[in-house]
N, C-alpha and C. Protein backbone atom coordinates (compact mmCIF):
# COMPACT_ATOMS: atom_id res chain seq x y z
N UNK A 1 20.35 -7.31 13.46
CA UNK A 1 20.24 -8.42 14.39
C UNK A 1 19.20 -9.43 13.90
N UNK A 2 18.04 -8.94 13.41
CA UNK A 2 17.01 -9.85 12.91
C UNK A 2 17.52 -10.62 11.70
N UNK A 3 18.28 -9.95 10.85
CA UNK A 3 18.82 -10.60 9.66
C UNK A 3 19.80 -11.72 10.05
N UNK A 4 20.62 -11.44 11.04
CA UNK A 4 21.57 -12.44 11.52
C UNK A 4 20.83 -13.66 12.08
N UNK A 5 19.81 -13.43 12.88
CA UNK A 5 19.03 -14.51 13.46
C UNK A 5 18.30 -15.30 12.38
N UNK A 6 17.75 -14.61 11.40
CA UNK A 6 17.06 -15.26 10.29
C UNK A 6 18.01 -16.16 9.51
N UNK A 7 19.24 -15.69 9.27
CA UNK A 7 20.23 -16.50 8.56
C UNK A 7 20.60 -17.75 9.35
N UNK A 8 20.73 -17.62 10.66
CA UNK A 8 21.05 -18.78 11.51
C UNK A 8 19.92 -19.81 11.49
N UNK A 9 18.68 -19.34 11.57
CA UNK A 9 17.52 -20.24 11.55
C UNK A 9 17.43 -20.94 10.19
N UNK A 10 17.65 -20.19 9.13
CA UNK A 10 17.62 -20.77 7.78
C UNK A 10 18.70 -21.85 7.64
N UNK A 11 19.89 -21.57 8.12
CA UNK A 11 20.98 -22.55 8.05
C UNK A 11 20.66 -23.80 8.86
N UNK A 12 20.08 -23.61 10.04
CA UNK A 12 19.70 -24.73 10.88
C UNK A 12 18.63 -25.59 10.20
N UNK A 13 17.63 -24.96 9.61
CA UNK A 13 16.57 -25.70 8.92
C UNK A 13 17.13 -26.47 7.73
N UNK A 14 18.07 -25.87 7.02
CA UNK A 14 18.69 -26.54 5.88
C UNK A 14 19.44 -27.78 6.34
N UNK A 15 20.19 -27.69 7.43
CA UNK A 15 20.93 -28.85 7.96
C UNK A 15 19.98 -29.95 8.41
N UNK A 16 18.90 -29.57 9.06
CA UNK A 16 17.90 -30.55 9.50
C UNK A 16 17.28 -31.24 8.30
N UNK A 17 16.98 -30.49 7.25
CA UNK A 17 16.38 -31.07 6.04
C UNK A 17 17.33 -32.07 5.39
N UNK A 18 18.63 -31.80 5.39
CA UNK A 18 19.61 -32.73 4.81
C UNK A 18 19.63 -34.05 5.57
N UNK A 19 19.47 -33.97 6.89
CA UNK A 19 19.47 -35.18 7.71
C UNK A 19 18.17 -35.96 7.54
N UNK A 20 17.04 -35.26 7.54
CA UNK A 20 15.74 -35.91 7.48
C UNK A 20 15.38 -36.41 6.08
N UNK A 21 15.88 -35.76 5.05
CA UNK A 21 15.53 -36.10 3.67
C UNK A 21 16.80 -36.38 2.87
N UNK A 22 17.45 -37.53 3.12
CA UNK A 22 18.68 -37.83 2.39
C UNK A 22 18.39 -38.10 0.91
N UNK A 23 19.43 -37.99 0.12
CA UNK A 23 19.32 -38.24 -1.32
C UNK A 23 18.94 -39.70 -1.54
N UNK A 24 17.96 -39.97 -2.41
CA UNK A 24 17.58 -41.37 -2.66
C UNK A 24 18.72 -42.15 -3.29
N UNK A 25 18.74 -43.45 -3.02
CA UNK A 25 19.78 -44.33 -3.56
C UNK A 25 19.66 -44.43 -5.07
N UNK A 26 20.78 -44.39 -5.73
CA UNK A 26 20.82 -44.51 -7.18
C UNK A 26 20.71 -45.98 -7.57
N UNK A 27 19.91 -46.25 -8.58
CA UNK A 27 19.76 -47.64 -9.06
C UNK A 27 21.04 -48.07 -9.76
N UNK A 28 21.36 -49.35 -9.65
CA UNK A 28 22.48 -49.91 -10.40
C UNK A 28 22.06 -50.09 -11.85
N UNK A 29 23.02 -50.22 -12.73
CA UNK A 29 22.70 -50.53 -14.12
C UNK A 29 23.82 -51.39 -14.70
N UNK A 30 23.46 -52.20 -15.68
CA UNK A 30 24.43 -53.03 -16.38
C UNK A 30 24.14 -52.99 -17.88
N UNK A 31 25.19 -53.21 -18.66
CA UNK A 31 25.08 -53.25 -20.11
C UNK A 31 25.86 -54.45 -20.60
N UNK A 32 25.26 -55.21 -21.50
CA UNK A 32 25.96 -56.35 -22.06
C UNK A 32 25.06 -57.19 -22.95
N UNK A 33 25.63 -58.27 -23.46
CA UNK A 33 24.90 -59.18 -24.34
C UNK A 33 24.20 -60.27 -23.52
N UNK A 34 22.96 -60.55 -23.89
CA UNK A 34 22.13 -61.52 -23.18
C UNK A 34 22.37 -62.90 -23.76
N UNK A 35 22.51 -63.88 -22.87
CA UNK A 35 22.63 -65.28 -23.27
C UNK A 35 21.54 -66.07 -22.56
N UNK A 36 21.10 -67.15 -23.18
CA UNK A 36 20.09 -68.03 -22.58
C UNK A 36 20.81 -69.22 -21.98
N UNK A 37 20.66 -69.42 -20.66
CA UNK A 37 21.19 -70.64 -20.04
C UNK A 37 20.05 -71.65 -20.02
N UNK A 38 20.27 -72.78 -19.40
CA UNK A 38 19.23 -73.81 -19.38
C UNK A 38 17.97 -73.37 -18.66
N UNK A 39 18.10 -72.46 -17.70
CA UNK A 39 16.92 -72.06 -16.92
C UNK A 39 16.68 -70.55 -16.86
N UNK A 40 17.61 -69.74 -17.34
CA UNK A 40 17.43 -68.29 -17.18
C UNK A 40 18.23 -67.50 -18.21
N UNK A 41 18.03 -66.20 -18.19
CA UNK A 41 18.81 -65.29 -19.02
C UNK A 41 20.00 -64.78 -18.21
N UNK A 42 21.15 -64.64 -18.87
CA UNK A 42 22.33 -64.10 -18.20
C UNK A 42 22.92 -62.98 -19.04
N UNK A 43 23.65 -62.09 -18.38
CA UNK A 43 24.34 -60.98 -19.05
C UNK A 43 25.74 -60.86 -18.48
N UNK A 44 26.73 -60.71 -19.36
CA UNK A 44 28.07 -60.37 -18.88
C UNK A 44 28.18 -58.85 -18.96
N UNK A 45 28.26 -58.22 -17.79
CA UNK A 45 28.31 -56.77 -17.72
C UNK A 45 29.63 -56.26 -18.31
N UNK A 46 29.53 -55.30 -19.21
CA UNK A 46 30.72 -54.73 -19.84
C UNK A 46 31.54 -53.91 -18.85
N UNK A 47 30.88 -53.40 -17.79
CA UNK A 47 31.57 -52.56 -16.82
C UNK A 47 32.49 -53.32 -15.88
N UNK A 48 31.96 -54.30 -15.15
CA UNK A 48 32.77 -55.02 -14.16
C UNK A 48 33.15 -56.43 -14.63
N UNK A 49 32.76 -56.80 -15.85
CA UNK A 49 33.09 -58.09 -16.47
C UNK A 49 32.53 -59.29 -15.72
N UNK A 50 31.54 -59.06 -14.83
CA UNK A 50 30.90 -60.17 -14.12
C UNK A 50 29.67 -60.64 -14.89
N UNK A 51 29.36 -61.91 -14.74
CA UNK A 51 28.17 -62.50 -15.37
C UNK A 51 27.03 -62.51 -14.34
N UNK A 52 25.88 -61.98 -14.74
CA UNK A 52 24.72 -61.87 -13.86
C UNK A 52 23.55 -62.67 -14.42
N UNK A 53 22.86 -63.40 -13.54
CA UNK A 53 21.59 -64.02 -13.89
C UNK A 53 20.53 -62.93 -13.77
N UNK A 54 19.69 -62.78 -14.79
CA UNK A 54 18.66 -61.74 -14.76
C UNK A 54 17.40 -62.26 -14.07
N UNK A 55 16.89 -61.50 -13.12
CA UNK A 55 15.65 -61.79 -12.42
C UNK A 55 14.76 -60.57 -12.48
N UNK A 56 13.50 -60.72 -12.17
CA UNK A 56 12.59 -59.57 -12.14
C UNK A 56 11.89 -59.37 -13.47
N UNK A 57 11.79 -58.10 -13.88
CA UNK A 57 11.05 -57.73 -15.08
C UNK A 57 11.90 -57.96 -16.33
N UNK A 58 11.90 -59.20 -16.82
CA UNK A 58 12.70 -59.55 -18.00
C UNK A 58 11.87 -59.56 -19.29
N UNK A 59 10.62 -59.12 -19.22
CA UNK A 59 9.80 -59.04 -20.43
C UNK A 59 10.47 -58.11 -21.43
N UNK A 60 10.54 -58.53 -22.66
CA UNK A 60 11.14 -57.71 -23.70
C UNK A 60 12.64 -57.92 -23.85
N UNK A 61 13.25 -58.68 -22.96
CA UNK A 61 14.69 -58.96 -23.05
C UNK A 61 14.88 -60.27 -23.80
N UNK A 62 15.66 -60.20 -24.90
CA UNK A 62 15.84 -61.38 -25.75
C UNK A 62 17.30 -61.81 -25.77
N UNK A 63 17.50 -63.13 -25.71
CA UNK A 63 18.85 -63.69 -25.84
C UNK A 63 19.43 -63.28 -27.19
N UNK A 64 20.71 -62.92 -27.19
CA UNK A 64 21.38 -62.51 -28.43
C UNK A 64 21.40 -61.01 -28.64
N UNK A 65 20.69 -60.25 -27.79
CA UNK A 65 20.67 -58.80 -27.92
C UNK A 65 21.55 -58.14 -26.86
N UNK A 66 22.12 -57.00 -27.22
CA UNK A 66 22.87 -56.17 -26.28
C UNK A 66 21.88 -55.22 -25.63
N UNK A 67 21.89 -55.17 -24.29
CA UNK A 67 20.90 -54.37 -23.57
C UNK A 67 21.56 -53.49 -22.50
N UNK A 68 20.80 -52.51 -22.05
CA UNK A 68 21.16 -51.70 -20.89
C UNK A 68 19.95 -51.73 -19.97
N UNK A 69 20.12 -52.24 -18.73
CA UNK A 69 19.02 -52.34 -17.78
C UNK A 69 19.39 -51.65 -16.48
N UNK A 70 18.37 -51.17 -15.77
CA UNK A 70 18.58 -50.62 -14.44
C UNK A 70 17.88 -51.51 -13.43
N UNK A 71 18.36 -51.49 -12.21
CA UNK A 71 17.80 -52.32 -11.15
C UNK A 71 18.76 -52.41 -9.99
N UNK A 72 18.93 -53.61 -9.44
CA UNK A 72 19.80 -53.81 -8.28
C UNK A 72 20.68 -55.04 -8.44
N UNK A 73 21.97 -54.86 -8.16
CA UNK A 73 22.91 -55.98 -8.13
C UNK A 73 22.75 -56.68 -6.78
N UNK A 74 22.66 -58.00 -6.82
CA UNK A 74 22.51 -58.81 -5.61
C UNK A 74 23.36 -60.08 -5.74
N UNK A 75 23.48 -60.81 -4.64
CA UNK A 75 24.14 -62.12 -4.64
C UNK A 75 23.21 -63.11 -3.98
N UNK A 76 23.21 -64.36 -4.48
CA UNK A 76 22.38 -65.39 -3.85
C UNK A 76 23.13 -65.96 -2.64
N UNK A 77 22.56 -66.96 -2.00
CA UNK A 77 23.14 -67.55 -0.78
C UNK A 77 24.53 -68.13 -1.03
N UNK A 78 24.80 -68.53 -2.27
CA UNK A 78 26.11 -69.10 -2.62
C UNK A 78 27.10 -68.04 -3.09
N UNK A 79 26.68 -66.79 -3.12
CA UNK A 79 27.56 -65.70 -3.54
C UNK A 79 27.57 -65.45 -5.04
N UNK A 80 26.70 -66.14 -5.78
CA UNK A 80 26.62 -65.96 -7.24
C UNK A 80 25.85 -64.66 -7.53
N UNK A 81 26.41 -63.78 -8.37
CA UNK A 81 25.73 -62.52 -8.64
C UNK A 81 24.49 -62.68 -9.53
N UNK A 82 23.46 -61.96 -9.18
CA UNK A 82 22.29 -61.85 -10.05
C UNK A 82 21.87 -60.39 -10.08
N UNK A 83 21.06 -60.05 -11.06
CA UNK A 83 20.63 -58.67 -11.24
C UNK A 83 19.10 -58.64 -11.27
N UNK A 84 18.53 -57.91 -10.33
CA UNK A 84 17.08 -57.75 -10.25
C UNK A 84 16.70 -56.59 -11.18
N UNK A 85 16.15 -56.92 -12.34
CA UNK A 85 15.84 -55.92 -13.36
C UNK A 85 14.62 -55.10 -12.94
N UNK A 86 14.79 -53.80 -12.95
CA UNK A 86 13.68 -52.90 -12.69
C UNK A 86 13.10 -52.36 -13.99
N UNK A 87 14.03 -52.11 -14.96
CA UNK A 87 13.59 -51.50 -16.21
C UNK A 87 14.59 -51.80 -17.32
N UNK A 88 14.06 -52.15 -18.48
CA UNK A 88 14.88 -52.25 -19.68
C UNK A 88 15.04 -50.82 -20.21
N UNK A 89 16.24 -50.28 -20.09
CA UNK A 89 16.48 -48.90 -20.50
C UNK A 89 16.65 -48.80 -22.01
N UNK A 90 17.44 -49.72 -22.58
CA UNK A 90 17.66 -49.67 -24.03
C UNK A 90 18.02 -51.05 -24.54
N UNK A 91 17.45 -51.40 -25.68
CA UNK A 91 17.81 -52.62 -26.40
C UNK A 91 18.57 -52.17 -27.64
N UNK A 92 19.84 -52.51 -27.72
CA UNK A 92 20.68 -52.06 -28.83
C UNK A 92 20.60 -52.98 -30.05
N UNK A 93 19.83 -54.06 -29.95
CA UNK A 93 19.71 -55.00 -31.05
C UNK A 93 20.72 -56.13 -30.92
N UNK A 94 20.93 -56.84 -32.01
CA UNK A 94 21.79 -58.03 -32.01
C UNK A 94 23.21 -57.71 -31.56
N UNK A 95 23.79 -58.62 -30.78
CA UNK A 95 25.18 -58.48 -30.33
C UNK A 95 26.12 -58.64 -31.50
N UNK A 96 27.23 -57.94 -31.45
CA UNK A 96 28.24 -58.08 -32.49
C UNK A 96 29.02 -59.37 -32.22
N UNK A 97 29.28 -60.12 -33.28
CA UNK A 97 30.05 -61.36 -33.16
C UNK A 97 31.51 -61.00 -33.30
N UNK A 98 32.35 -61.36 -32.27
CA UNK A 98 33.78 -61.07 -32.36
C UNK A 98 34.50 -62.20 -33.08
N UNK A 99 35.48 -61.82 -33.86
CA UNK A 99 36.22 -62.81 -34.66
C UNK A 99 37.64 -62.91 -34.22
């Protein structure tokens, strides 16, 4: 009987923990070649083929390089996508020129 009650209490505590401590949100990430526009850096994401203006921590990101960054996908008031960079995950070097 004690074992049965202990199992029920353990199960209840586990369910409560799942509700109180949900899994943290996963950061978005994009990969693509960086281009310099007149006022900012942009990347065309290889995954969804959308072009994103890079905002946030862009130190170390150079136009002409293929990069992988993590952060958050957002849209401005006009619906234009931008990417708030949290971290430069990998710089793959110069983009390949397609012929």
